[in-house]
Amino acid sequence: MEVMHTFRSFARSAVVLVAVTWVSVAACASHGTNACLSAACDGSADSSADEWARTVPLDIMNRDVLDIVVYAYRYGERYRLGDVVAHASATLALPLRLTDGGEVQLFVHRIGEQAAGYLTNAVRVGVGDRPTLYVEHDAQLSSLAVFPDRD
């Protein structure tokens, strides 16, 4: 019985490998084999990788007595950006891929607190901007501002 299960797993893996190979060969045939080989060698195969990795510096000023975790908030999901200790500042990287058409909301969770957290208003962020989040002990006084990046 176990031999049959192992054989089925192997057969599925082989089918997936053949399918991936076939798609790769078809893509190279449509673009020319030399173009695919040169793109694979020089790293230009996927220019969207650079777009995916672009970030904007996000300054956090935590004036709260508790440590915080900062998330980018998009379509109801949170993406952890990092944490900042109490009464300290930090600069985190905000990936532009997490902005929705250039807009971003940040979610702040105080470590050790049962409350849900604080969600900022949506602000427009792009290359050349430097968003700054000021976190106060009273969440109603916290704010998010966007300044031009001076670096």
C-alpha atoms as a PDB file:
ATOM      1  CA  MET A   1       0.000   0.000   0.000  1.00  0.00           C
ATOM      2  CA  GLU A   2       2.799   2.428   0.914  1.00  0.00           C
ATOM      3  CA  VAL A   3       4.669   1.587  -2.288  1.00  0.00           C
ATOM      4  CA  MET A   4       1.615   2.558  -4.356  1.00  0.00           C
ATOM      5  CA  HIS A   5       1.307   5.899  -2.470  1.00  0.00           C
ATOM      6  CA  THR A   6       5.004   6.657  -3.077  1.00  0.00           C
ATOM      7  CA  PHE A   7       4.626   5.804  -6.762  1.00  0.00           C
ATOM      8  CA  ARG A   8       1.631   8.152  -7.097  1.00  0.00           C
ATOM      9  CA  SER A   9       3.585  10.993  -5.431  1.00  0.00           C
ATOM     10  CA  PHE A  10       6.492  10.383  -7.771  1.00  0.00           C
ATOM     11  CA  ALA A  11       4.181  10.305 -10.796  1.00  0.00           C
ATOM     12  CA  ARG A  12       2.565  13.616  -9.790  1.00  0.00           C
ATOM     13  CA  SER A  13       5.987  15.223  -9.323  1.00  0.00           C
ATOM     14  CA  ALA A  14       7.091  14.001 -12.731  1.00  0.00           C
ATOM     15  CA  VAL A  15       3.952  15.412 -14.387  1.00  0.00           C
ATOM     16  CA  VAL A  16       4.508  18.820 -12.730  1.00  0.00           C
ATOM     17  CA  LEU A  17       8.167  18.842 -13.779  1.00  0.00           C
ATOM     18  CA  VAL A  18       7.269  18.012 -17.383  1.00  0.00           C
ATOM     19  CA  ALA A  19       4.591  20.746 -17.417  1.00  0.00           C
ATOM     20  CA  VAL A  20       6.985  23.387 -16.081  1.00  0.00           C
ATOM     21  CA  THR A  21       9.660  22.356 -18.569  1.00  0.00           C
ATOM     22  CA  TRP A  22       7.161  22.496 -21.436  1.00  0.00           C
ATOM     23  CA  VAL A  23       6.017  26.008 -20.460  1.00  0.00           C
ATOM     24  CA  SER A  24       9.645  27.190 -20.248  1.00  0.00           C
ATOM     25  CA  VAL A  25      10.493  25.724 -23.649  1.00  0.00           C
ATOM     26  CA  ALA A  26       7.375  27.257 -25.200  1.00  0.00           C
ATOM     27  CA  ALA A  27       8.264  30.667 -23.751  1.00  0.00           C
ATOM     28  CA  CYS A  28      11.814  30.474 -25.112  1.00  0.00           C
ATOM     29  CA  ALA A  29      10.530  29.344 -28.514  1.00  0.00           C
ATOM     30  CA  SER A  30       8.242  32.358 -28.737  1.00  0.00           C
ATOM     31  CA  HIS A  31      11.026  34.804 -27.773  1.00  0.00           C
ATOM     32  CA  GLY A  32      13.949  33.023 -29.394  1.00  0.00           C
ATOM     33  CA  THR A  33      16.295  30.691 -27.558  1.00  0.00           C
ATOM     34  CA  ASN A  34      19.200  33.140 -27.544  1.00  0.00           C
ATOM     35  CA  ALA A  35      17.038  35.862 -25.988  1.00  0.00           C
ATOM     36  CA  CYS A  36      15.984  33.534 -23.166  1.00  0.00           C
ATOM     37  CA  LEU A  37      19.527  32.344 -22.528  1.00  0.00           C
ATOM     38  CA  SER A  38      20.978  35.869 -22.470  1.00  0.00           C
ATOM     39  CA  ALA A  39      18.175  37.102 -20.195  1.00  0.00           C
ATOM     40  CA  ALA A  40      18.796  34.236 -17.805  1.00  0.00           C
ATOM     41  CA  CYS A  41      22.528  34.967 -17.726  1.00  0.00           C
ATOM     42  CA  ASP A  42      22.403  38.737 -17.277  1.00  0.00           C
ATOM     43  CA  GLY A  43      19.491  38.798 -14.814  1.00  0.00           C
ATOM     44  CA  SER A  44      17.156  40.819 -17.038  1.00  0.00           C
ATOM     45  CA  ALA A  45      14.679  37.998 -17.440  1.00  0.00           C
ATOM     46  CA  ASP A  46      12.120  39.697 -15.251  1.00  0.00           C
ATOM     47  CA  SER A  47      12.248  43.472 -15.052  1.00  0.00           C
ATOM     48  CA  SER A  48       9.221  43.387 -12.754  1.00  0.00           C
ATOM     49  CA  ALA A  49      11.510  42.003 -10.035  1.00  0.00           C
ATOM     50  CA  ASP A  50      12.901  45.513  -9.602  1.00  0.00           C
ATOM     51  CA  GLU A  51       9.373  46.891  -9.350  1.00  0.00           C
ATOM     52  CA  TRP A  52       8.558  44.252  -6.750  1.00  0.00           C
ATOM     53  CA  ALA A  53      11.551  45.194  -4.596  1.00  0.00           C
ATOM     54  CA  ARG A  54      11.090  49.011  -4.631  1.00  0.00           C
ATOM     55  CA  THR A  55      10.635  50.514  -1.192  1.00  0.00           C
ATOM     56  CA  VAL A  56      10.031  53.869   0.425  1.00  0.00           C
ATOM     57  CA  PRO A  57      11.578  54.747   3.809  1.00  0.00           C
ATOM     58  CA  LEU A  58       8.928  54.888   6.533  1.00  0.00           C
ATOM     59  CA  ASP A  59       9.884  56.851   9.645  1.00  0.00           C
ATOM     60  CA  ILE A  60       8.209  55.778  12.884  1.00  0.00           C
ATOM     61  CA  MET A  61       8.282  57.912  16.013  1.00  0.00           C
ATOM     62  CA  ASN A  62       6.920  55.853  18.896  1.00  0.00           C
ATOM     63  CA  ARG A  63       6.003  58.156  21.762  1.00  0.00           C
ATOM     64  CA  ASP A  64       4.007  55.422  23.473  1.00  0.00           C
ATOM     65  CA  VAL A  65       5.011  53.611  26.666  1.00  0.00           C
ATOM     66  CA  LEU A  66       4.589  50.243  24.900  1.00  0.00           C
ATOM     67  CA  ASP A  67       6.525  48.640  22.058  1.00  0.00           C
ATOM     68  CA  ILE A  68       4.586  48.558  18.784  1.00  0.00           C
ATOM     69  CA  VAL A  69       4.368  46.429  15.656  1.00  0.00           C
ATOM     70  CA  VAL A  70       3.697  48.292  12.404  1.00  0.00           C
ATOM     71  CA  TYR A  71       1.838  46.702   9.497  1.00  0.00           C
ATOM     72  CA  ALA A  72       0.863  47.850   6.007  1.00  0.00           C
ATOM     73  CA  TYR A  73      -2.884  47.331   5.691  1.00  0.00           C
ATOM     74  CA  ARG A  74      -4.287  46.343   2.299  1.00  0.00           C
ATOM     75  CA  TYR A  75      -7.640  44.805   1.411  1.00  0.00           C
ATOM     76  CA  GLY A  76      -8.242  43.750   5.012  1.00  0.00           C
ATOM     77  CA  GLU A  77      -4.887  41.986   5.359  1.00  0.00           C
ATOM     78  CA  ARG A  78      -1.903  43.083   7.401  1.00  0.00           C
ATOM     79  CA  TYR A  79       1.705  42.842   6.181  1.00  0.00           C
ATOM     80  CA  ARG A  80       4.272  43.177   8.954  1.00  0.00           C
ATOM     81  CA  LEU A  81       6.840  45.904   8.344  1.00  0.00           C
ATOM     82  CA  GLY A  82       8.647  45.773  11.678  1.00  0.00           C
ATOM     83  CA  ASP A  83       8.541  46.803  15.307  1.00  0.00           C
ATOM     84  CA  VAL A  84       9.644  49.850  17.283  1.00  0.00           C
ATOM     85  CA  VAL A  85      10.438  49.903  20.997  1.00  0.00           C
ATOM     86  CA  ALA A  86       8.799  52.358  23.383  1.00  0.00           C
ATOM     87  CA  HIS A  87       9.939  55.989  23.280  1.00  0.00           C
ATOM     88  CA  ALA A  88      12.139  55.391  20.213  1.00  0.00           C
ATOM     89  CA  SER A  89      12.320  56.087  16.507  1.00  0.00           C
ATOM     90  CA  ALA A  90      13.016  53.739  13.623  1.00  0.00           C
ATOM     91  CA  THR A  91      13.031  53.718   9.847  1.00  0.00           C
ATOM     92  CA  LEU A  92      11.307  50.758   8.198  1.00  0.00           C
ATOM     93  CA  ALA A  93      11.067  49.831   4.529  1.00  0.00           C
ATOM     94  CA  LEU A  94       7.604  50.204   3.012  1.00  0.00           C
ATOM     95  CA  PRO A  95       7.372  48.087  -0.171  1.00  0.00           C
ATOM     96  CA  LEU A  96       5.564  50.010  -2.899  1.00  0.00           C
ATOM     97  CA  ARG A  97       3.879  46.777  -3.990  1.00  0.00           C
ATOM     98  CA  LEU A  98       1.776  47.037  -0.806  1.00  0.00           C
ATOM     99  CA  THR A  99       0.329  50.371  -1.865  1.00  0.00           C
ATOM    100  CA  ASP A 100      -3.016  50.252  -3.580  1.00  0.00           C
ATOM    101  CA  GLY A 101      -2.619  52.577  -6.543  1.00  0.00           C
ATOM    102  CA  GLY A 102      -0.156  54.634  -4.508  1.00  0.00           C
ATOM    103  CA  GLU A 103      -2.288  54.729  -1.362  1.00  0.00           C
ATOM    104  CA  VAL A 104      -1.360  53.029   1.881  1.00  0.00           C
ATOM    105  CA  GLN A 105      -2.862  52.552   5.307  1.00  0.00           C
ATOM    106  CA  LEU A 106      -0.799  51.562   8.319  1.00  0.00           C
ATOM    107  CA  PHE A 107      -1.965  49.449  11.233  1.00  0.00           C
ATOM    108  CA  VAL A 108      -0.286  49.788  14.633  1.00  0.00           C
ATOM    109  CA  HIS A 109      -0.557  47.111  17.311  1.00  0.00           C
ATOM    110  CA  ARG A 110       0.739  47.763  20.813  1.00  0.00           C
ATOM    111  CA  ILE A 111       2.579  44.711  22.100  1.00  0.00           C
ATOM    112  CA  GLY A 112       0.975  43.415  25.270  1.00  0.00           C
ATOM    113  CA  GLU A 113      -2.333  45.202  24.757  1.00  0.00           C
ATOM    114  CA  GLN A 114      -5.613  43.406  24.128  1.00  0.00           C
ATOM    115  CA  ALA A 115      -7.161  46.233  22.090  1.00  0.00           C
ATOM    116  CA  ALA A 116      -7.419  45.767  18.333  1.00  0.00           C
ATOM    117  CA  GLY A 117      -4.949  48.485  17.372  1.00  0.00           C
ATOM    118  CA  TYR A 118      -4.872  51.718  15.411  1.00  0.00           C
ATOM    119  CA  LEU A 119      -5.545  52.063  11.673  1.00  0.00           C
ATOM    120  CA  THR A 120      -4.423  55.253   9.910  1.00  0.00           C
ATOM    121  CA  ASN A 121      -6.266  57.046   7.156  1.00  0.00           C
ATOM    122  CA  ALA A 122      -5.153  56.253   3.621  1.00  0.00           C
ATOM    123  CA  VAL A 123      -2.393  58.506   2.300  1.00  0.00           C
ATOM    124  CA  ARG A 124      -0.764  58.696  -1.116  1.00  0.00           C
ATOM    125  CA  VAL A 125       2.855  57.495  -1.159  1.00  0.00           C
ATOM    126  CA  GLY A 126       5.287  57.175  -4.051  1.00  0.00           C
ATOM    127  CA  VAL A 127       8.938  57.288  -4.982  1.00  0.00           C
ATOM    128  CA  GLY A 128      10.506  60.443  -3.542  1.00  0.00           C
ATOM    129  CA  ASP A 129       8.138  60.542  -0.555  1.00  0.00           C
ATOM    130  CA  ARG A 130       8.990  59.926   3.072  1.00  0.00           C
ATOM    131  CA  PRO A 131       5.948  58.988   5.166  1.00  0.00           C
ATOM    132  CA  THR A 132       6.270  59.546   8.907  1.00  0.00           C
ATOM    133  CA  LEU A 133       4.050  57.894  11.509  1.00  0.00           C
ATOM    134  CA  TYR A 134       3.775  59.549  14.911  1.00  0.00           C
ATOM    135  CA  VAL A 135       2.408  57.097  17.490  1.00  0.00           C
ATOM    136  CA  GLU A 136       1.087  58.653  20.699  1.00  0.00           C
ATOM    137  CA  HIS A 137      -0.097  56.939  23.876  1.00  0.00           C
ATOM    138  CA  ASP A 138      -3.625  58.084  23.011  1.00  0.00           C
ATOM    139  CA  ALA A 139      -4.297  56.518  19.604  1.00  0.00           C
ATOM    140  CA  GLN A 140      -6.624  59.399  18.665  1.00  0.00           C
ATOM    141  CA  LEU A 141      -3.613  61.739  18.700  1.00  0.00           C
ATOM    142  CA  SER A 142      -1.486  59.529  16.421  1.00  0.00           C
ATOM    143  CA  SER A 143      -0.959  60.728  12.860  1.00  0.00           C
ATOM    144  CA  LEU A 144       0.574  59.827   9.521  1.00  0.00           C
ATOM    145  CA  ALA A 145       2.168  62.527   7.367  1.00  0.00           C
ATOM    146  CA  VAL A 146       4.006  62.386   4.037  1.00  0.00           C
ATOM    147  CA  PHE A 147       7.030  64.615   3.400  1.00  0.00           C
ATOM    148  CA  PRO A 148       9.418  64.854   0.430  1.00  0.00           C
ATOM    149  CA  ASP A 149      12.443  62.598   0.816  1.00  0.00           C
ATOM    150  CA  ARG A 150      15.544  64.725   1.321  1.00  0.00           C
ATOM    151  CA  ASP A 151      18.109  61.887   0.920  1.00  0.00           C
END
